[in-house]
Amino acid sequence: MFRCSLGCGRLGTIWHVIIPSARIGIMVAALFCFILTFGDFVSPLYLGGGLRTVLSTVIIDTVKSGQQWPQAAVVAVTMIMTLLAVALAAIWFAYRRPK
């Protein structure tokens, strides 16, 4: 079996050296992708045919049909709180000190 530096295998090198070194970049990239896709409504609406419900299309449909502004506001606030919770958890995980 091929051994890398200091007797560690290929997967061990990736798991113990590369991933901890790139943890912040990986988490920030994942968070950036999550934020961009969380509020996306064009793709599910036009490409998905509107068959699946996502939060952004629920907000649009709620406002357009019957002027249900309070219900749309509740969905929007829920969406923002979920986004903030995920973002804060990702930032905490990325910048915490390893043991």
C-alpha atoms as a PDB file:
ATOM      1  CA  MET A   1       0.000   0.000   0.000  1.00  0.00           C
ATOM      2  CA  PHE A   2       1.225   3.461  -0.866  1.00  0.00           C
ATOM      3  CA  ARG A   3       1.932   5.602   2.191  1.00  0.00           C
ATOM      4  CA  CYS A   4       1.973   9.381   2.211  1.00  0.00           C
ATOM      5  CA  SER A   5       3.943  11.588   4.510  1.00  0.00           C
ATOM      6  CA  LEU A   6       4.529  10.318   8.083  1.00  0.00           C
ATOM      7  CA  GLY A   7       2.875   6.948   7.454  1.00  0.00           C
ATOM      8  CA  CYS A   8      -0.604   8.261   6.792  1.00  0.00           C
ATOM      9  CA  GLY A   9      -2.615   6.902   3.860  1.00  0.00           C
ATOM     10  CA  ARG A  10      -4.256   8.954   1.143  1.00  0.00           C
ATOM     11  CA  LEU A  11      -7.630   9.231   2.858  1.00  0.00           C
ATOM     12  CA  GLY A  12      -5.983   9.950   6.192  1.00  0.00           C
ATOM     13  CA  THR A  13      -4.003  12.773   4.618  1.00  0.00           C
ATOM     14  CA  ILE A  14      -7.168  14.272   3.159  1.00  0.00           C
ATOM     15  CA  TRP A  15      -9.160  13.837   6.385  1.00  0.00           C
ATOM     16  CA  HIS A  16      -6.510  15.003   8.880  1.00  0.00           C
ATOM     17  CA  VAL A  17      -4.600  17.632   6.870  1.00  0.00           C
ATOM     18  CA  ILE A  18      -6.526  19.005   3.881  1.00  0.00           C
ATOM     19  CA  ILE A  19     -10.057  19.210   5.337  1.00  0.00           C
ATOM     20  CA  PRO A  20      -9.056  21.013   8.580  1.00  0.00           C
ATOM     21  CA  SER A  21      -6.920  23.459   6.596  1.00  0.00           C
ATOM     22  CA  ALA A  22      -9.709  24.234   4.137  1.00  0.00           C
ATOM     23  CA  ARG A  23     -12.611  24.097   6.635  1.00  0.00           C
ATOM     24  CA  ILE A  24     -13.314  27.832   6.551  1.00  0.00           C
ATOM     25  CA  GLY A  25     -13.301  27.978   2.752  1.00  0.00           C
ATOM     26  CA  ILE A  26     -15.522  24.928   2.442  1.00  0.00           C
ATOM     27  CA  MET A  27     -18.071  26.269   4.924  1.00  0.00           C
ATOM     28  CA  VAL A  28     -18.147  29.765   3.404  1.00  0.00           C
ATOM     29  CA  ALA A  29     -18.606  28.307  -0.099  1.00  0.00           C
ATOM     30  CA  ALA A  30     -21.401  26.013   1.115  1.00  0.00           C
ATOM     31  CA  LEU A  31     -23.075  28.916   2.935  1.00  0.00           C
ATOM     32  CA  PHE A  32     -22.809  31.145  -0.137  1.00  0.00           C
ATOM     33  CA  CYS A  33     -24.423  28.467  -2.317  1.00  0.00           C
ATOM     34  CA  PHE A  34     -27.138  27.890   0.293  1.00  0.00           C
ATOM     35  CA  ILE A  35     -28.006  31.578   0.499  1.00  0.00           C
ATOM     36  CA  LEU A  36     -28.191  31.945  -3.273  1.00  0.00           C
ATOM     37  CA  THR A  37     -30.387  28.892  -3.764  1.00  0.00           C
ATOM     38  CA  PHE A  38     -32.598  29.444  -0.713  1.00  0.00           C
ATOM     39  CA  GLY A  39     -34.342  32.473  -2.156  1.00  0.00           C
ATOM     40  CA  ASP A  40     -34.277  31.334  -5.764  1.00  0.00           C
ATOM     41  CA  PHE A  41     -37.742  31.221  -7.283  1.00  0.00           C
ATOM     42  CA  VAL A  42     -37.031  31.378 -11.017  1.00  0.00           C
ATOM     43  CA  SER A  43     -35.683  27.826 -11.322  1.00  0.00           C
ATOM     44  CA  PRO A  44     -38.497  25.975  -9.544  1.00  0.00           C
ATOM     45  CA  LEU A  45     -41.163  28.144 -11.125  1.00  0.00           C
ATOM     46  CA  TYR A  46     -40.093  27.946 -14.757  1.00  0.00           C
ATOM     47  CA  LEU A  47     -37.916  24.844 -14.932  1.00  0.00           C
ATOM     48  CA  GLY A  48     -39.892  22.729 -12.483  1.00  0.00           C
ATOM     49  CA  GLY A  49     -43.260  23.655 -13.921  1.00  0.00           C
ATOM     50  CA  GLY A  50     -44.507  24.908 -10.568  1.00  0.00           C
ATOM     51  CA  LEU A  51     -45.386  21.399  -9.387  1.00  0.00           C
ATOM     52  CA  ARG A  52     -43.227  21.553  -6.267  1.00  0.00           C
ATOM     53  CA  THR A  53     -43.807  24.234  -3.684  1.00  0.00           C
ATOM     54  CA  VAL A  54     -40.855  26.201  -2.366  1.00  0.00           C
ATOM     55  CA  LEU A  55     -40.959  29.099   0.093  1.00  0.00           C
ATOM     56  CA  SER A  56     -40.224  31.832  -2.408  1.00  0.00           C
ATOM     57  CA  THR A  57     -43.055  30.765  -4.729  1.00  0.00           C
ATOM     58  CA  VAL A  58     -45.404  30.428  -1.730  1.00  0.00           C
ATOM     59  CA  ILE A  59     -44.715  34.067  -0.853  1.00  0.00           C
ATOM     60  CA  ILE A  60     -45.356  35.203  -4.423  1.00  0.00           C
ATOM     61  CA  ASP A  61     -48.548  33.139  -4.766  1.00  0.00           C
ATOM     62  CA  THR A  62     -49.827  34.338  -1.384  1.00  0.00           C
ATOM     63  CA  VAL A  63     -49.359  37.992  -2.291  1.00  0.00           C
ATOM     64  CA  LYS A  64     -50.850  37.623  -5.773  1.00  0.00           C
ATOM     65  CA  SER A  65     -53.946  35.676  -4.738  1.00  0.00           C
ATOM     66  CA  GLY A  66     -56.242  37.610  -2.480  1.00  0.00           C
ATOM     67  CA  GLN A  67     -53.726  40.057  -1.064  1.00  0.00           C
ATOM     68  CA  GLN A  68     -52.821  37.878   1.930  1.00  0.00           C
ATOM     69  CA  TRP A  69     -50.038  40.169   3.155  1.00  0.00           C
ATOM     70  CA  PRO A  70     -49.911  38.907   6.769  1.00  0.00           C
ATOM     71  CA  GLN A  71     -49.538  35.288   5.662  1.00  0.00           C
ATOM     72  CA  ALA A  72     -46.812  36.235   3.181  1.00  0.00           C
ATOM     73  CA  ALA A  73     -45.031  38.186   5.912  1.00  0.00           C
ATOM     74  CA  VAL A  74     -45.085  35.164   8.240  1.00  0.00           C
ATOM     75  CA  VAL A  75     -43.620  32.937   5.519  1.00  0.00           C
ATOM     76  CA  ALA A  76     -40.955  35.559   4.716  1.00  0.00           C
ATOM     77  CA  VAL A  77     -39.954  35.998   8.371  1.00  0.00           C
ATOM     78  CA  THR A  78     -39.778  32.211   8.787  1.00  0.00           C
ATOM     79  CA  MET A  79     -37.574  32.056   5.722  1.00  0.00           C
ATOM     80  CA  ILE A  80     -35.265  34.786   7.038  1.00  0.00           C
ATOM     81  CA  MET A  81     -35.007  33.187  10.501  1.00  0.00           C
ATOM     82  CA  THR A  82     -34.153  29.818   8.958  1.00  0.00           C
ATOM     83  CA  LEU A  83     -31.523  31.439   6.777  1.00  0.00           C
ATOM     84  CA  LEU A  84     -29.985  33.278   9.733  1.00  0.00           C
ATOM     85  CA  ALA A  85     -29.933  30.130  11.890  1.00  0.00           C
ATOM     86  CA  VAL A  86     -28.166  28.117   9.200  1.00  0.00           C
ATOM     87  CA  ALA A  87     -25.727  30.964   8.476  1.00  0.00           C
ATOM     88  CA  LEU A  88     -24.816  31.451  12.138  1.00  0.00           C
ATOM     89  CA  ALA A  89     -24.371  27.699  12.659  1.00  0.00           C
ATOM     90  CA  ALA A  90     -22.120  27.469   9.596  1.00  0.00           C
ATOM     91  CA  ILE A  91     -20.027  30.454  10.691  1.00  0.00           C
ATOM     92  CA  TRP A  92     -19.703  29.009  14.207  1.00  0.00           C
ATOM     93  CA  PHE A  93     -18.625  25.641  12.809  1.00  0.00           C
ATOM     94  CA  ALA A  94     -16.129  27.222  10.396  1.00  0.00           C
ATOM     95  CA  TYR A  95     -14.422  29.467  12.940  1.00  0.00           C
ATOM     96  CA  ARG A  96     -14.493  27.290  16.067  1.00  0.00           C
ATOM     97  CA  ARG A  97     -11.181  26.163  17.460  1.00  0.00           C
ATOM     98  CA  PRO A  98     -10.362  22.509  16.924  1.00  0.00           C
ATOM     99  CA  LYS A  99      -9.710  20.486  20.051  1.00  0.00           C
END
